[in-house]
C-alpha atoms as a PDB file:
ATOM      1  CA  MET A   1     104.113  50.953  52.172  1.00  0.00           C
ATOM      2  CA  THR A   2     104.610  47.425  53.422  1.00  0.00           C
ATOM      3  CA  ASP A   3     102.581  45.606  50.773  1.00  0.00           C
ATOM      4  CA  LEU A   4     104.473  45.561  47.478  1.00  0.00           C
ATOM      5  CA  GLY A   5     101.376  44.334  45.619  1.00  0.00           C
ATOM      6  CA  ILE A   6      99.446  47.454  46.558  1.00  0.00           C
ATOM      7  CA  ALA A   7     102.484  49.584  45.757  1.00  0.00           C
ATOM      8  CA  GLN A   8     102.626  48.032  42.285  1.00  0.00           C
ATOM      9  CA  ILE A   9      98.917  48.635  41.684  1.00  0.00           C
ATOM     10  CA  LYS A  10      99.342  52.315  42.626  1.00  0.00           C
ATOM     11  CA  ASN A  11     102.513  52.617  40.534  1.00  0.00           C
ATOM     12  CA  ASN A  12     102.118  53.885  36.964  1.00  0.00           C
ATOM     13  CA  ASN A  13     105.445  52.357  35.949  1.00  0.00           C
ATOM     14  CA  PHE A  14     105.887  48.678  35.169  1.00  0.00           C
ATOM     15  CA  GLU A  15     109.215  48.475  36.957  1.00  0.00           C
ATOM     16  CA  ILE A  16     109.401  48.017  40.722  1.00  0.00           C
ATOM     17  CA  ASN A  17     111.849  50.301  42.518  1.00  0.00           C
ATOM     18  CA  LYS A  18     114.340  47.694  43.744  1.00  0.00           C
ATOM     19  CA  CYS A  19     115.615  49.745  46.671  1.00  0.00           C
ATOM     20  CA  PHE A  20     112.032  50.439  47.790  1.00  0.00           C
ATOM     21  CA  ALA A  21     111.299  46.702  47.638  1.00  0.00           C
ATOM     22  CA  ILE A  22     114.409  45.817  49.660  1.00  0.00           C
ATOM     23  CA  GLU A  23     113.555  48.450  52.273  1.00  0.00           C
ATOM     24  CA  ASN A  24     110.120  46.853  52.618  1.00  0.00           C
ATOM     25  CA  VAL A  25     111.663  43.410  53.110  1.00  0.00           C
ATOM     26  CA  VAL A  26     113.993  44.733  55.822  1.00  0.00           C
ATOM     27  CA  PHE A  27     111.167  46.647  57.542  1.00  0.00           C
ATOM     28  CA  ASN A  28     108.860  43.614  57.551  1.00  0.00           C
ATOM     29  CA  GLU A  29     111.625  41.335  58.836  1.00  0.00           C
ATOM     30  CA  LEU A  30     112.451  43.714  61.682  1.00  0.00           C
ATOM     31  CA  VAL A  31     108.774  43.820  62.678  1.00  0.00           C
ATOM     32  CA  ALA A  32     108.574  40.010  62.438  1.00  0.00           C
ATOM     33  CA  ARG A  33     111.606  39.791  64.746  1.00  0.00           C
ATOM     34  CA  GLY A  34     109.709  41.807  67.335  1.00  0.00           C
ATOM     35  CA  TYR A  35     111.276  45.250  66.895  1.00  0.00           C
ATOM     36  CA  GLU A  36     109.519  48.588  66.991  1.00  0.00           C
ATOM     37  CA  VAL A  37     110.744  50.349  63.855  1.00  0.00           C
ATOM     38  CA  TYR A  38     111.193  54.081  63.314  1.00  0.00           C
ATOM     39  CA  ILE A  39     112.766  56.357  60.728  1.00  0.00           C
ATOM     40  CA  GLY A  40     115.604  58.513  62.017  1.00  0.00           C
ATOM     41  CA  LYS A  41     116.109  62.127  60.984  1.00  0.00           C
ATOM     42  CA  LEU A  42     119.534  63.705  60.616  1.00  0.00           C
ATOM     43  CA  ASN A  43     120.497  67.153  59.490  1.00  0.00           C
ATOM     44  CA  PRO A  44     120.797  66.599  56.551  1.00  0.00           C
ATOM     45  CA  GLY A  45     119.479  63.139  55.702  1.00  0.00           C
ATOM     46  CA  GLU A  46     117.907  60.217  57.477  1.00  0.00           C
ATOM     47  CA  ILE A  47     118.520  56.792  58.908  1.00  0.00           C
ATOM     48  CA  ASP A  48     116.335  54.265  57.106  1.00  0.00           C
ATOM     49  CA  PHE A  49     115.399  52.313  60.237  1.00  0.00           C
ATOM     50  CA  ILE A  50     115.959  52.498  63.966  1.00  0.00           C
ATOM     51  CA  ALA A  51     114.897  49.182  65.473  1.00  0.00           C
ATOM     52  CA  SER A  52     114.183  48.935  69.226  1.00  0.00           C
ATOM     53  CA  LYS A  53     113.401  45.922  71.372  1.00  0.00           C
ATOM     54  CA  THR A  54     113.723  45.485  75.160  1.00  0.00           C
ATOM     55  CA  GLY A  55     116.252  48.281  75.664  1.00  0.00           C
ATOM     56  CA  GLU A  56     118.279  47.247  72.639  1.00  0.00           C
ATOM     57  CA  ARG A  57     118.658  49.471  69.574  1.00  0.00           C
ATOM     58  CA  LYS A  58     120.009  48.846  66.071  1.00  0.00           C
ATOM     59  CA  TYR A  59     120.414  51.201  63.129  1.00  0.00           C
ATOM     60  CA  PHE A  60     119.902  50.177  59.496  1.00  0.00           C
ATOM     61  CA  GLN A  61     120.635  51.735  56.144  1.00  0.00           C
ATOM     62  CA  VAL A  62     119.320  49.838  53.115  1.00  0.00           C
ATOM     63  CA  ALA A  63     120.665  50.026  49.562  1.00  0.00           C
ATOM     64  CA  TYR A  64     120.029  48.008  46.418  1.00  0.00           C
ATOM     65  CA  LEU A  65     123.744  47.923  45.615  1.00  0.00           C
ATOM     66  CA  LEU A  66     126.701  49.915  46.889  1.00  0.00           C
ATOM     67  CA  SER A  67     127.447  50.584  43.239  1.00  0.00           C
ATOM     68  CA  ASP A  68     129.800  53.518  43.585  1.00  0.00           C
ATOM     69  CA  LYS A  69     131.611  55.615  46.188  1.00  0.00           C
ATOM     70  CA  LYS A  70     128.775  58.166  46.311  1.00  0.00           C
ATOM     71  CA  VAL A  71     126.204  55.531  47.366  1.00  0.00           C
ATOM     72  CA  GLU A  72     128.658  53.953  49.795  1.00  0.00           C
ATOM     73  CA  GLU A  73     129.493  57.328  51.372  1.00  0.00           C
ATOM     74  CA  ARG A  74     125.799  58.247  51.662  1.00  0.00           C
ATOM     75  CA  ASP A  75     124.790  55.053  53.460  1.00  0.00           C
ATOM     76  CA  PHE A  76     127.849  54.617  55.679  1.00  0.00           C
ATOM     77  CA  GLY A  77     128.141  58.389  56.219  1.00  0.00           C
ATOM     78  CA  ALA A  78     124.656  58.617  57.736  1.00  0.00           C
ATOM     79  CA  LEU A  79     125.538  55.922  60.279  1.00  0.00           C
ATOM     80  CA  LYS A  80     128.928  57.503  61.072  1.00  0.00           C
ATOM     81  CA  LYS A  81     127.072  60.593  62.342  1.00  0.00           C
ATOM     82  CA  ILE A  82     125.494  58.559  65.155  1.00  0.00           C
ATOM     83  CA  GLU A  83     127.794  58.727  68.142  1.00  0.00           C
ATOM     84  CA  ASP A  84     126.399  55.989  70.366  1.00  0.00           C
ATOM     85  CA  ASN A  85     127.643  52.399  70.532  1.00  0.00           C
ATOM     86  CA  TYR A  86     124.556  50.543  69.328  1.00  0.00           C
ATOM     87  CA  PRO A  87     125.072  48.240  66.309  1.00  0.00           C
ATOM     88  CA  LYS A  88     124.907  49.888  62.890  1.00  0.00           C
ATOM     89  CA  TYR A  89     124.201  47.965  59.676  1.00  0.00           C
ATOM     90  CA  VAL A  90     124.144  48.588  55.956  1.00  0.00           C
ATOM     91  CA  ILE A  91     122.033  45.956  54.171  1.00  0.00           C
ATOM     92  CA  SER A  92     122.318  45.450  50.400  1.00  0.00           C
ATOM     93  CA  LEU A  93     122.428  42.805  47.680  1.00  0.00           C
ATOM     94  CA  ASP A  94     126.227  43.094  47.438  1.00  0.00           C
ATOM     95  CA  LYS A  95     128.113  39.884  48.158  1.00  0.00           C
ATOM     96  CA  MET A  96     131.381  41.710  48.838  1.00  0.00           C
ATOM     97  CA  ASN A  97     131.827  42.863  52.443  1.00  0.00           C
ATOM     98  CA  PHE A  98     132.000  46.675  52.687  1.00  0.00           C
ATOM     99  CA  SER A  99     132.095  46.837  56.531  1.00  0.00           C
ATOM    100  CA  GLN A 100     134.030  49.841  57.840  1.00  0.00           C
ATOM    101  CA  ASN A 101     134.545  51.946  60.969  1.00  0.00           C
ATOM    102  CA  GLY A 102     132.531  49.536  63.112  1.00  0.00           C
ATOM    103  CA  ILE A 103     129.569  49.640  60.715  1.00  0.00           C
ATOM    104  CA  ILE A 104     128.597  46.136  59.614  1.00  0.00           C
ATOM    105  CA  HIS A 105     127.684  45.487  55.993  1.00  0.00           C
ATOM    106  CA  LYS A 106     125.437  42.482  55.387  1.00  0.00           C
ATOM    107  CA  ASN A 107     124.128  40.845  52.252  1.00  0.00           C
ATOM    108  CA  ILE A 108     120.329  40.870  52.594  1.00  0.00           C
ATOM    109  CA  VAL A 109     119.978  37.117  51.980  1.00  0.00           C
ATOM    110  CA  ASP A 110     122.591  36.312  54.622  1.00  0.00           C
ATOM    111  CA  TRP A 111     120.935  38.751  57.048  1.00  0.00           C
ATOM    112  CA  LEU A 112     117.489  37.223  56.468  1.00  0.00           C
ATOM    113  CA  LEU A 113     118.803  33.707  57.097  1.00  0.00           C
ATOM    114  CA  GLU A 114     120.648  34.439  60.326  1.00  0.00           C
ATOM    115  CA  GLU A 115     119.027  34.289  63.720  1.00  0.00           C
ATOM    116  CA  ASP A 116     118.363  37.620  65.377  1.00  0.00           C
ATOM    117  CA  ASN A 117     121.005  38.056  68.050  1.00  0.00           C
END
């Protein structure tokens, strides 16, 4: 769902799923930047977003916080399975840089404020 207002109306809980909300922000921003956005399937798991534009491709995993090694391994591990050389990103609210093995970690606010390159 791309409209968090409708998601909240349909939700029986009073609390918004923060990761779901952040994924929606990233999805909408990718679309606004002109990308076609898909979900990638792995065995097992998935890539949150594959963004394509004019022959260019980028991979994105989105997390609320990389709060422990298990979350970090899940999000970076999914991207490590992709063996091409297109850019791979993990987007979260963390201010600390967790970049590793060529996979770029970005704080969501910093990512939203930078120009698409």
